Amino acid sequence: MKTLLALFLILTPSCLLAADGLDDLSNYRRYSDTFASSGQPTTDHLKILEEQGVKRIIYLAFTDNDTAINAEDRKVMELDMEYLHIPVDFMNPTLQDFKYFSAAMQAAPDTNTLLHCQINLRASSFSFLYRIIVKKVPVADALDDLQSVWAPNEVWFNFIQTVSEHYGVDILCDECDWGGSEFN
């Protein structure tokens, strides 16, 4: 009976998620060994992330948000990780916001990084753009990851299109399905 229980626990996906301690981190997505995005982590998540080798936290929302961690910058730095805050207005993301983020990533491209905002809408969109522009991930593949979090609204679709066009990347590829959006 103990063997059967042990086998059940090993094979149950929810147990595998719980094992890393990030199962309750909102919309957590790992894109590579050195890049992930999520919604707002807790202080406990930050400790787990540090233990798992994350060396840089980039935050894309405003610090006065109700769910933001009080003094997140200090907590991250106490864990000996880098911290960068780029406050992105959800209703008005800009090309300059993306350029700041991209420059930070490219300054230390191999640094294990968590990019986050409140629920991973900003962060997943920036991740999509970074991956297709800098990492040369096929647009359709990156789009699948983006759409596993959300279908960008008109503001964010326009932002994604503006940034991608600036860098000469076509997001409207034949194999890309933007969900029949009236925005494309």
N, C-alpha and C. Protein backbone atom coordinates (compact mmCIF):
# COMPACT_ATOMS: atom_id res chain seq x y z
N MET A 1 0.82 -1.18 0.00
CA MET A 1 0.00 0.00 0.00
C MET A 1 0.88 1.26 0.00
N LYS A 2 1.96 1.26 0.79
CA LYS A 2 2.86 2.42 0.83
C LYS A 2 3.49 2.66 -0.54
N THR A 3 3.83 1.58 -1.24
CA THR A 3 4.42 1.70 -2.57
C THR A 3 3.43 2.32 -3.54
N LEU A 4 2.17 1.91 -3.47
CA LEU A 4 1.13 2.45 -4.33
C LEU A 4 0.92 3.94 -4.05
N LEU A 5 0.90 4.32 -2.80
CA LEU A 5 0.75 5.73 -2.43
C LEU A 5 1.94 6.55 -2.92
N ALA A 6 3.14 6.02 -2.76
CA ALA A 6 4.33 6.73 -3.23
C ALA A 6 4.30 6.91 -4.74
N LEU A 7 3.89 5.87 -5.47
CA LEU A 7 3.79 5.96 -6.92
C LEU A 7 2.75 7.00 -7.33
N PHE A 8 1.62 7.02 -6.64
CA PHE A 8 0.58 8.01 -6.92
C PHE A 8 1.10 9.42 -6.73
N LEU A 9 1.80 9.67 -5.65
CA LEU A 9 2.33 11.01 -5.37
C LEU A 9 3.38 11.42 -6.40
N ILE A 10 4.16 10.48 -6.86
CA ILE A 10 5.19 10.79 -7.85
C ILE A 10 4.56 11.14 -9.19
N LEU A 11 3.49 10.45 -9.55
CA LEU A 11 2.90 10.63 -10.87
C LEU A 11 1.83 11.73 -10.93
N THR A 12 1.42 12.26 -9.82
CA THR A 12 0.38 13.28 -9.81
C THR A 12 0.98 14.64 -10.16
N PRO A 13 0.52 15.26 -11.27
CA PRO A 13 1.08 16.55 -11.71
C PRO A 13 1.01 17.64 -10.64
N SER A 14 -0.08 17.70 -9.89
CA SER A 14 -0.18 18.76 -8.89
C SER A 14 0.91 18.62 -7.83
N CYS A 15 1.30 17.39 -7.55
CA CYS A 15 2.39 17.20 -6.59
C CYS A 15 3.70 17.68 -7.18
N LEU A 16 3.88 17.46 -8.48
CA LEU A 16 5.10 17.93 -9.12
C LEU A 16 5.17 19.45 -9.09
N LEU A 17 4.03 20.10 -9.30
CA LEU A 17 4.02 21.55 -9.24
C LEU A 17 4.32 22.04 -7.83
N ALA A 18 3.72 21.40 -6.85
CA ALA A 18 3.91 21.83 -5.48
C ALA A 18 5.35 21.65 -5.03
N ALA A 19 6.04 20.70 -5.63
CA ALA A 19 7.41 20.41 -5.22
C ALA A 19 8.33 21.60 -5.42
N ASP A 20 8.06 22.43 -6.44
CA ASP A 20 8.95 23.57 -6.66
C ASP A 20 8.53 24.80 -5.86
N GLY A 21 7.38 24.74 -5.19
CA GLY A 21 6.94 25.84 -4.35
C GLY A 21 6.34 27.01 -5.11
N LEU A 22 6.19 26.89 -6.41
CA LEU A 22 5.68 28.00 -7.22
C LEU A 22 4.31 27.69 -7.82
N ASP A 23 3.66 26.64 -7.31
CA ASP A 23 2.38 26.23 -7.87
C ASP A 23 1.29 27.29 -7.71
N ASP A 24 1.44 28.16 -6.75
CA ASP A 24 0.43 29.20 -6.55
C ASP A 24 0.90 30.58 -7.01
N LEU A 25 1.99 30.63 -7.75
CA LEU A 25 2.47 31.90 -8.31
C LEU A 25 1.66 32.17 -9.57
N SER A 26 0.92 33.24 -9.56
CA SER A 26 -0.04 33.58 -10.62
C SER A 26 0.58 33.57 -12.01
N ASN A 27 0.00 32.74 -12.87
CA ASN A 27 0.38 32.67 -14.29
C ASN A 27 1.88 32.51 -14.53
N TYR A 28 2.55 31.75 -13.69
CA TYR A 28 3.98 31.53 -13.83
C TYR A 28 4.26 30.75 -15.11
N ARG A 29 5.16 31.29 -15.94
CA ARG A 29 5.57 30.64 -17.18
C ARG A 29 7.09 30.66 -17.27
N ARG A 30 7.69 29.49 -17.48
CA ARG A 30 9.14 29.40 -17.68
C ARG A 30 9.36 29.18 -19.16
N TYR A 31 10.09 30.13 -19.79
CA TYR A 31 10.34 30.08 -21.23
C TYR A 31 11.66 29.40 -21.57
N SER A 32 12.61 29.47 -20.65
CA SER A 32 13.93 28.86 -20.86
C SER A 32 14.57 28.65 -19.49
N ASP A 33 15.79 28.18 -19.49
CA ASP A 33 16.50 27.99 -18.22
C ASP A 33 16.78 29.31 -17.52
N THR A 34 16.74 30.41 -18.27
CA THR A 34 17.12 31.70 -17.69
C THR A 34 16.06 32.78 -17.80
N PHE A 35 14.83 32.43 -18.18
CA PHE A 35 13.81 33.47 -18.35
C PHE A 35 12.42 32.93 -18.05
N ALA A 36 11.71 33.67 -17.18
CA ALA A 36 10.34 33.32 -16.81
C ALA A 36 9.56 34.59 -16.58
N SER A 37 8.24 34.46 -16.60
CA SER A 37 7.37 35.59 -16.25
C SER A 37 6.26 35.10 -15.33
N SER A 38 5.66 36.05 -14.62
CA SER A 38 4.57 35.68 -13.71
C SER A 38 3.80 36.91 -13.29
N GLY A 39 2.74 36.64 -12.52
CA GLY A 39 2.06 37.68 -11.79
C GLY A 39 2.87 38.00 -10.54
N GLN A 40 2.27 38.75 -9.64
CA GLN A 40 2.96 39.21 -8.43
C GLN A 40 3.39 38.05 -7.53
N PRO A 41 4.70 37.88 -7.33
CA PRO A 41 5.16 36.87 -6.37
C PRO A 41 4.99 37.39 -4.94
N THR A 42 4.95 36.46 -4.01
CA THR A 42 4.97 36.82 -2.60
C THR A 42 6.43 36.86 -2.13
N THR A 43 6.65 37.28 -0.92
CA THR A 43 7.99 37.24 -0.34
C THR A 43 8.51 35.80 -0.30
N ASP A 44 7.64 34.85 0.01
CA ASP A 44 8.04 33.44 0.02
C ASP A 44 8.43 32.97 -1.38
N HIS A 45 7.68 33.40 -2.40
CA HIS A 45 8.05 33.05 -3.78
C HIS A 45 9.44 33.59 -4.12
N LEU A 46 9.73 34.80 -3.68
CA LEU A 46 11.04 35.40 -3.98
C LEU A 46 12.15 34.54 -3.39
N LYS A 47 11.95 34.04 -2.18
CA LYS A 47 12.95 33.17 -1.55
C LYS A 47 13.13 31.88 -2.35
N ILE A 48 12.03 31.31 -2.79
CA ILE A 48 12.08 30.07 -3.58
C ILE A 48 12.78 30.33 -4.91
N LEU A 49 12.44 31.43 -5.55
CA LEU A 49 13.07 31.78 -6.82
C LEU A 49 14.58 31.94 -6.67
N GLU A 50 14.98 32.60 -5.60
CA GLU A 50 16.41 32.77 -5.33
C GLU A 50 17.08 31.41 -5.13
N GLU A 51 16.44 30.52 -4.40
CA GLU A 51 16.97 29.18 -4.17
C GLU A 51 17.07 28.39 -5.48
N GLN A 52 16.21 28.69 -6.43
CA GLN A 52 16.22 28.01 -7.73
C GLN A 52 17.15 28.68 -8.73
N GLY A 53 17.89 29.69 -8.30
CA GLY A 53 18.90 30.28 -9.16
C GLY A 53 18.52 31.56 -9.87
N VAL A 54 17.35 32.12 -9.59
CA VAL A 54 16.99 33.40 -10.19
C VAL A 54 17.89 34.48 -9.59
N LYS A 55 18.46 35.30 -10.46
CA LYS A 55 19.40 36.33 -10.03
C LYS A 55 18.90 37.75 -10.28
N ARG A 56 17.79 37.88 -11.05
CA ARG A 56 17.29 39.22 -11.38
C ARG A 56 15.77 39.18 -11.42
N ILE A 57 15.18 40.19 -10.77
CA ILE A 57 13.74 40.39 -10.77
C ILE A 57 13.47 41.72 -11.47
N ILE A 58 12.58 41.69 -12.47
CA ILE A 58 12.16 42.92 -13.15
C ILE A 58 10.66 43.06 -12.96
N TYR A 59 10.25 44.21 -12.46
CA TYR A 59 8.85 44.48 -12.13
C TYR A 59 8.30 45.54 -13.07
N LEU A 60 7.17 45.24 -13.74
CA LEU A 60 6.63 46.13 -14.76
C LEU A 60 5.35 46.88 -14.36
N ALA A 61 4.94 46.82 -13.13
CA ALA A 61 3.73 47.53 -12.72
C ALA A 61 4.10 48.65 -11.75
N PHE A 62 3.08 49.31 -11.23
CA PHE A 62 3.32 50.40 -10.29
C PHE A 62 3.40 49.86 -8.86
N THR A 63 4.26 50.45 -8.06
CA THR A 63 4.48 49.97 -6.70
C THR A 63 3.32 50.28 -5.76
N ASP A 64 2.41 51.16 -6.17
CA ASP A 64 1.28 51.48 -5.30
C ASP A 64 0.07 50.58 -5.56
N ASN A 65 0.24 49.54 -6.35
CA ASN A 65 -0.82 48.59 -6.59
C ASN A 65 -1.14 47.85 -5.30
N ASP A 66 -2.41 47.55 -5.07
CA ASP A 66 -2.84 46.90 -3.82
C ASP A 66 -2.14 45.57 -3.56
N THR A 67 -1.77 44.86 -4.60
CA THR A 67 -1.15 43.55 -4.40
C THR A 67 0.37 43.58 -4.48
N ALA A 68 0.95 44.74 -4.71
CA ALA A 68 2.41 44.85 -4.77
C ALA A 68 3.02 44.53 -3.40
N ILE A 69 4.21 43.97 -3.42
CA ILE A 69 4.93 43.70 -2.18
C ILE A 69 5.51 45.01 -1.67
N ASN A 70 5.26 45.32 -0.41
CA ASN A 70 5.84 46.50 0.20
C ASN A 70 7.37 46.33 0.25
N ALA A 71 8.08 47.29 -0.28
CA ALA A 71 9.55 47.28 -0.30
C ALA A 71 10.11 46.06 -1.03
N GLU A 72 9.49 45.71 -2.16
CA GLU A 72 9.97 44.55 -2.93
C GLU A 72 11.43 44.71 -3.32
N ASP A 73 11.82 45.92 -3.68
CA ASP A 73 13.21 46.14 -4.08
C ASP A 73 14.17 45.74 -2.96
N ARG A 74 13.89 46.14 -1.76
CA ARG A 74 14.75 45.82 -0.61
C ARG A 74 14.77 44.31 -0.35
N LYS A 75 13.60 43.67 -0.43
CA LYS A 75 13.51 42.24 -0.17
C LYS A 75 14.29 41.45 -1.21
N VAL A 76 14.19 41.86 -2.46
CA VAL A 76 14.92 41.19 -3.53
C VAL A 76 16.42 41.37 -3.34
N MET A 77 16.83 42.58 -3.02
CA MET A 77 18.26 42.84 -2.85
C MET A 77 18.82 42.13 -1.62
N GLU A 78 18.00 41.96 -0.57
CA GLU A 78 18.44 41.21 0.61
C GLU A 78 18.68 39.74 0.28
N LEU A 79 18.01 39.27 -0.77
CA LEU A 79 18.22 37.89 -1.24
C LEU A 79 19.37 37.80 -2.23
N ASP A 80 20.11 38.90 -2.37
CA ASP A 80 21.27 38.97 -3.25
C ASP A 80 20.91 38.78 -4.73
N MET A 81 19.74 39.34 -5.09
CA MET A 81 19.32 39.35 -6.48
C MET A 81 19.27 40.80 -6.94
N GLU A 82 19.39 41.00 -8.24
CA GLU A 82 19.24 42.33 -8.83
C GLU A 82 17.75 42.66 -8.91
N TYR A 83 17.45 43.96 -8.86
CA TYR A 83 16.05 44.39 -8.96
C TYR A 83 15.98 45.57 -9.91
N LEU A 84 15.03 45.51 -10.82
CA LEU A 84 14.79 46.62 -11.74
C LEU A 84 13.29 46.86 -11.80
N HIS A 85 12.93 48.13 -11.66
CA HIS A 85 11.52 48.51 -11.73
C HIS A 85 11.30 49.39 -12.95
N ILE A 86 10.40 48.96 -13.83
CA ILE A 86 10.00 49.75 -15.00
C ILE A 86 8.49 49.90 -14.90
N PRO A 87 8.01 51.01 -14.37
CA PRO A 87 6.56 51.18 -14.23
C PRO A 87 5.89 51.39 -15.58
N VAL A 88 5.10 50.41 -15.99
CA VAL A 88 4.42 50.46 -17.29
C VAL A 88 2.94 50.73 -17.05
N ASP A 89 2.46 51.80 -17.64
CA ASP A 89 1.04 52.15 -17.54
C ASP A 89 0.25 51.13 -18.35
N PHE A 90 -0.64 50.39 -17.71
CA PHE A 90 -1.38 49.33 -18.39
C PHE A 90 -2.19 49.85 -19.57
N MET A 91 -2.68 51.05 -19.46
CA MET A 91 -3.48 51.63 -20.54
C MET A 91 -2.66 52.38 -21.57
N ASN A 92 -1.34 52.47 -21.35
CA ASN A 92 -0.49 53.19 -22.30
C ASN A 92 0.96 52.67 -22.28
N PRO A 93 1.17 51.40 -22.62
CA PRO A 93 2.54 50.90 -22.71
C PRO A 93 3.23 51.56 -23.89
N THR A 94 4.54 51.80 -23.76
CA THR A 94 5.24 52.53 -24.82
C THR A 94 6.43 51.73 -25.35
N LEU A 95 6.84 52.11 -26.54
CA LEU A 95 8.05 51.55 -27.13
C LEU A 95 9.24 51.78 -26.21
N GLN A 96 9.30 52.95 -25.59
CA GLN A 96 10.41 53.26 -24.68
C GLN A 96 10.42 52.30 -23.48
N ASP A 97 9.24 51.95 -22.96
CA ASP A 97 9.16 50.97 -21.87
C ASP A 97 9.84 49.67 -22.31
N PHE A 98 9.50 49.21 -23.51
CA PHE A 98 10.10 47.97 -24.01
C PHE A 98 11.60 48.12 -24.21
N LYS A 99 12.03 49.26 -24.72
CA LYS A 99 13.47 49.48 -24.94
C LYS A 99 14.24 49.42 -23.62
N TYR A 100 13.69 50.00 -22.54
CA TYR A 100 14.35 49.92 -21.23
C TYR A 100 14.49 48.46 -20.80
N PHE A 101 13.40 47.73 -20.91
CA PHE A 101 13.40 46.32 -20.53
C PHE A 101 14.41 45.52 -21.37
N SER A 102 14.33 45.68 -22.66
CA SER A 102 15.21 44.94 -23.56
C SER A 102 16.68 45.26 -23.31
N ALA A 103 16.98 46.52 -23.08
CA ALA A 103 18.38 46.92 -22.79
C ALA A 103 18.88 46.24 -21.51
N ALA A 104 18.02 46.20 -20.50
CA ALA A 104 18.42 45.55 -19.24
C ALA A 104 18.68 44.06 -19.46
N MET A 105 17.81 43.42 -20.22
CA MET A 105 17.99 41.99 -20.48
C MET A 105 19.26 41.75 -21.29
N GLN A 106 19.50 42.57 -22.28
CA GLN A 106 20.67 42.37 -23.14
C GLN A 106 21.97 42.76 -22.47
N ALA A 107 21.91 43.58 -21.42
CA ALA A 107 23.13 43.94 -20.69
C ALA A 107 23.72 42.73 -19.98
N ALA A 108 22.86 41.81 -19.60
CA ALA A 108 23.31 40.56 -18.95
C ALA A 108 22.38 39.45 -19.42
N PRO A 109 22.54 39.01 -20.67
CA PRO A 109 21.56 38.10 -21.28
C PRO A 109 21.46 36.71 -20.67
N ASP A 110 22.48 36.29 -19.96
CA ASP A 110 22.46 34.95 -19.37
C ASP A 110 22.02 34.95 -17.90
N THR A 111 21.65 36.12 -17.39
CA THR A 111 21.21 36.21 -16.00
C THR A 111 19.81 35.62 -15.86
N ASN A 112 19.66 34.67 -14.96
CA ASN A 112 18.38 34.03 -14.73
C ASN A 112 17.40 35.08 -14.19
N THR A 113 16.33 35.34 -14.95
CA THR A 113 15.45 36.48 -14.69
C THR A 113 14.00 36.07 -14.56
N LEU A 114 13.32 36.67 -13.58
CA LEU A 114 11.86 36.63 -13.50
C LEU A 114 11.35 38.02 -13.82
N LEU A 115 10.52 38.11 -14.84
CA LEU A 115 9.84 39.33 -15.22
C LEU A 115 8.41 39.21 -14.69
N HIS A 116 7.97 40.20 -13.92
CA HIS A 116 6.62 40.08 -13.39
C HIS A 116 5.90 41.41 -13.37
N CYS A 117 4.58 41.30 -13.26
CA CYS A 117 3.70 42.44 -13.04
C CYS A 117 2.68 41.96 -12.02
N GLN A 118 1.44 42.36 -12.14
CA GLN A 118 0.45 41.93 -11.15
C GLN A 118 -0.14 40.57 -11.46
N ILE A 119 -0.55 40.34 -12.73
CA ILE A 119 -1.13 39.04 -13.06
C ILE A 119 -0.52 38.43 -14.32
N ASN A 120 0.56 38.99 -14.80
CA ASN A 120 1.33 38.52 -15.95
C ASN A 120 0.72 38.92 -17.29
N LEU A 121 0.02 40.02 -17.35
CA LEU A 121 -0.46 40.52 -18.63
C LEU A 121 0.64 41.37 -19.28
N ARG A 122 1.13 42.37 -18.55
CA ARG A 122 2.25 43.17 -19.05
C ARG A 122 3.47 42.27 -19.31
N ALA A 123 3.81 41.48 -18.31
CA ALA A 123 5.04 40.67 -18.37
C ALA A 123 4.98 39.64 -19.50
N SER A 124 3.85 38.98 -19.71
CA SER A 124 3.78 38.00 -20.78
C SER A 124 3.87 38.68 -22.14
N SER A 125 3.34 39.90 -22.25
CA SER A 125 3.43 40.64 -23.52
C SER A 125 4.86 41.08 -23.79
N PHE A 126 5.55 41.59 -22.78
CA PHE A 126 6.96 41.96 -22.93
C PHE A 126 7.80 40.71 -23.22
N SER A 127 7.47 39.60 -22.57
CA SER A 127 8.19 38.35 -22.82
C SER A 127 8.01 37.91 -24.26
N PHE A 128 6.78 37.97 -24.75
CA PHE A 128 6.50 37.63 -26.14
C PHE A 128 7.39 38.46 -27.07
N LEU A 129 7.38 39.76 -26.87
CA LEU A 129 8.16 40.66 -27.73
C LEU A 129 9.66 40.38 -27.64
N TYR A 130 10.17 40.23 -26.44
CA TYR A 130 11.60 39.98 -26.26
C TYR A 130 12.01 38.67 -26.95
N ARG A 131 11.18 37.67 -26.79
CA ARG A 131 11.50 36.37 -27.35
C ARG A 131 11.49 36.40 -28.88
N ILE A 132 10.54 37.10 -29.50
CA ILE A 132 10.50 37.10 -30.97
C ILE A 132 11.51 38.07 -31.57
N ILE A 133 11.81 39.16 -30.85
CA ILE A 133 12.72 40.18 -31.39
C ILE A 133 14.18 39.84 -31.11
N VAL A 134 14.50 39.50 -29.89
CA VAL A 134 15.89 39.28 -29.50
C VAL A 134 16.29 37.80 -29.57
N LYS A 135 15.45 36.95 -29.05
CA LYS A 135 15.78 35.51 -28.99
C LYS A 135 15.42 34.77 -30.27
N LYS A 136 14.72 35.44 -31.17
CA LYS A 136 14.35 34.87 -32.48
C LYS A 136 13.49 33.61 -32.37
N VAL A 137 12.67 33.54 -31.32
CA VAL A 137 11.71 32.46 -31.19
C VAL A 137 10.65 32.66 -32.27
N PRO A 138 10.22 31.60 -32.95
CA PRO A 138 9.17 31.77 -33.95
C PRO A 138 7.93 32.44 -33.34
N VAL A 139 7.36 33.37 -34.07
CA VAL A 139 6.22 34.14 -33.57
C VAL A 139 5.09 33.22 -33.12
N ALA A 140 4.78 32.21 -33.90
CA ALA A 140 3.67 31.30 -33.56
C ALA A 140 3.93 30.60 -32.22
N ASP A 141 5.17 30.20 -31.96
CA ASP A 141 5.50 29.54 -30.69
C ASP A 141 5.35 30.50 -29.52
N ALA A 142 5.89 31.70 -29.67
CA ALA A 142 5.79 32.70 -28.60
C ALA A 142 4.34 33.11 -28.40
N LEU A 143 3.57 33.15 -29.48
CA LEU A 143 2.16 33.52 -29.38
C LEU A 143 1.39 32.47 -28.58
N ASP A 144 1.70 31.20 -28.77
CA ASP A 144 1.05 30.15 -27.97
C ASP A 144 1.29 30.39 -26.48
N ASP A 145 2.52 30.75 -26.13
CA ASP A 145 2.83 31.03 -24.72
C ASP A 145 2.08 32.26 -24.22
N LEU A 146 2.05 33.31 -25.03
CA LEU A 146 1.32 34.52 -24.64
C LEU A 146 -0.15 34.21 -24.42
N GLN A 147 -0.74 33.47 -25.35
CA GLN A 147 -2.17 33.18 -25.26
C GLN A 147 -2.51 32.17 -24.18
N SER A 148 -1.50 31.51 -23.62
CA SER A 148 -1.77 30.65 -22.46
C SER A 148 -2.03 31.49 -21.22
N VAL A 149 -1.68 32.79 -21.29
CA VAL A 149 -1.94 33.71 -20.19
C VAL A 149 -3.16 34.58 -20.51
N TRP A 150 -3.17 35.17 -21.71
CA TRP A 150 -4.29 36.04 -22.07
C TRP A 150 -4.31 36.34 -23.56
N ALA A 151 -5.45 36.86 -24.01
CA ALA A 151 -5.58 37.37 -25.37
C ALA A 151 -5.50 38.89 -25.25
N PRO A 152 -4.42 39.48 -25.71
CA PRO A 152 -4.25 40.93 -25.53
C PRO A 152 -5.44 41.74 -26.05
N ASN A 153 -5.80 42.74 -25.27
CA ASN A 153 -6.88 43.65 -25.67
C ASN A 153 -6.36 44.61 -26.75
N GLU A 154 -7.18 45.54 -27.17
CA GLU A 154 -6.80 46.44 -28.26
C GLU A 154 -5.55 47.26 -27.93
N VAL A 155 -5.47 47.79 -26.71
CA VAL A 155 -4.30 48.58 -26.31
C VAL A 155 -3.04 47.75 -26.43
N TRP A 156 -3.06 46.54 -25.93
CA TRP A 156 -1.87 45.70 -25.91
C TRP A 156 -1.56 45.09 -27.27
N PHE A 157 -2.58 44.77 -28.06
CA PHE A 157 -2.33 44.31 -29.41
C PHE A 157 -1.64 45.41 -30.21
N ASN A 158 -2.13 46.64 -30.08
CA ASN A 158 -1.51 47.77 -30.79
C ASN A 158 -0.09 48.00 -30.32
N PHE A 159 0.15 47.88 -29.02
CA PHE A 159 1.51 48.01 -28.48
C PHE A 159 2.42 46.93 -29.07
N ILE A 160 1.96 45.68 -29.04
CA ILE A 160 2.75 44.57 -29.58
C ILE A 160 3.05 44.81 -31.05
N GLN A 161 2.07 45.25 -31.79
CA GLN A 161 2.28 45.50 -33.21
C GLN A 161 3.25 46.66 -33.44
N THR A 162 3.12 47.74 -32.68
CA THR A 162 4.03 48.89 -32.81
C THR A 162 5.47 48.49 -32.53
N VAL A 163 5.69 47.77 -31.43
CA VAL A 163 7.05 47.38 -31.05
C VAL A 163 7.62 46.40 -32.08
N SER A 164 6.84 45.41 -32.45
CA SER A 164 7.36 44.42 -33.40
C SER A 164 7.67 45.07 -34.75
N GLU A 165 6.83 45.98 -35.22
CA GLU A 165 7.11 46.69 -36.48
C GLU A 165 8.37 47.54 -36.37
N HIS A 166 8.57 48.17 -35.21
CA HIS A 166 9.78 48.98 -34.99
C HIS A 166 11.03 48.14 -35.21
N TYR A 167 10.98 46.88 -34.80
CA TYR A 167 12.12 45.97 -34.93
C TYR A 167 12.06 45.11 -36.19
N GLY A 168 11.08 45.36 -37.04
CA GLY A 168 11.00 44.64 -38.31
C GLY A 168 10.52 43.20 -38.21
N VAL A 169 9.71 42.90 -37.22
CA VAL A 169 9.18 41.56 -37.04
C VAL A 169 7.68 41.58 -37.32
N ASP A 170 7.23 40.67 -38.19
CA ASP A 170 5.82 40.58 -38.54
C ASP A 170 5.12 39.60 -37.61
N ILE A 171 4.18 40.09 -36.81
CA ILE A 171 3.45 39.22 -35.88
C ILE A 171 2.24 38.57 -36.54
N LEU A 172 1.95 38.96 -37.78
CA LEU A 172 0.77 38.43 -38.47
C LEU A 172 1.17 37.33 -39.46
N CYS A 173 2.02 36.43 -38.99
CA CYS A 173 2.50 35.34 -39.84
C CYS A 173 1.34 34.38 -40.17
N ASP A 174 1.52 33.60 -41.23
CA ASP A 174 0.47 32.69 -41.69
C ASP A 174 0.02 31.71 -40.61
N GLU A 175 0.97 31.21 -39.83
CA GLU A 175 0.63 30.22 -38.81
C GLU A 175 0.23 30.85 -37.47
N CYS A 176 0.12 32.17 -37.44
CA CYS A 176 -0.26 32.87 -36.20
C CYS A 176 -1.77 33.06 -36.15
N ASP A 177 -2.36 32.66 -35.05
CA ASP A 177 -3.79 32.83 -34.86
C ASP A 177 -4.00 33.76 -33.66
N TRP A 178 -4.33 34.99 -33.95
CA TRP A 178 -4.58 35.96 -32.90
C TRP A 178 -6.02 35.86 -32.39
N GLY A 179 -6.62 34.71 -32.60
CA GLY A 179 -7.94 34.45 -32.04
C GLY A 179 -9.07 35.16 -32.76
N GLY A 180 -8.88 35.47 -34.04
CA GLY A 180 -9.93 36.16 -34.78
C GLY A 180 -10.14 37.58 -34.30
N SER A 181 -9.16 38.11 -33.64
CA SER A 181 -9.27 39.46 -33.10
C SER A 181 -9.58 40.47 -34.19
N GLU A 182 -10.48 41.39 -33.87
CA GLU A 182 -10.78 42.46 -34.82
C GLU A 182 -9.67 43.49 -34.88
N PHE A 183 -8.64 43.32 -34.05
CA PHE A 183 -7.56 44.29 -33.99
C PHE A 183 -6.52 44.06 -35.07
N ASN A 184 -6.49 42.88 -35.70
CA ASN A 184 -5.44 42.62 -36.70
C ASN A 184 -5.97 42.65 -38.10
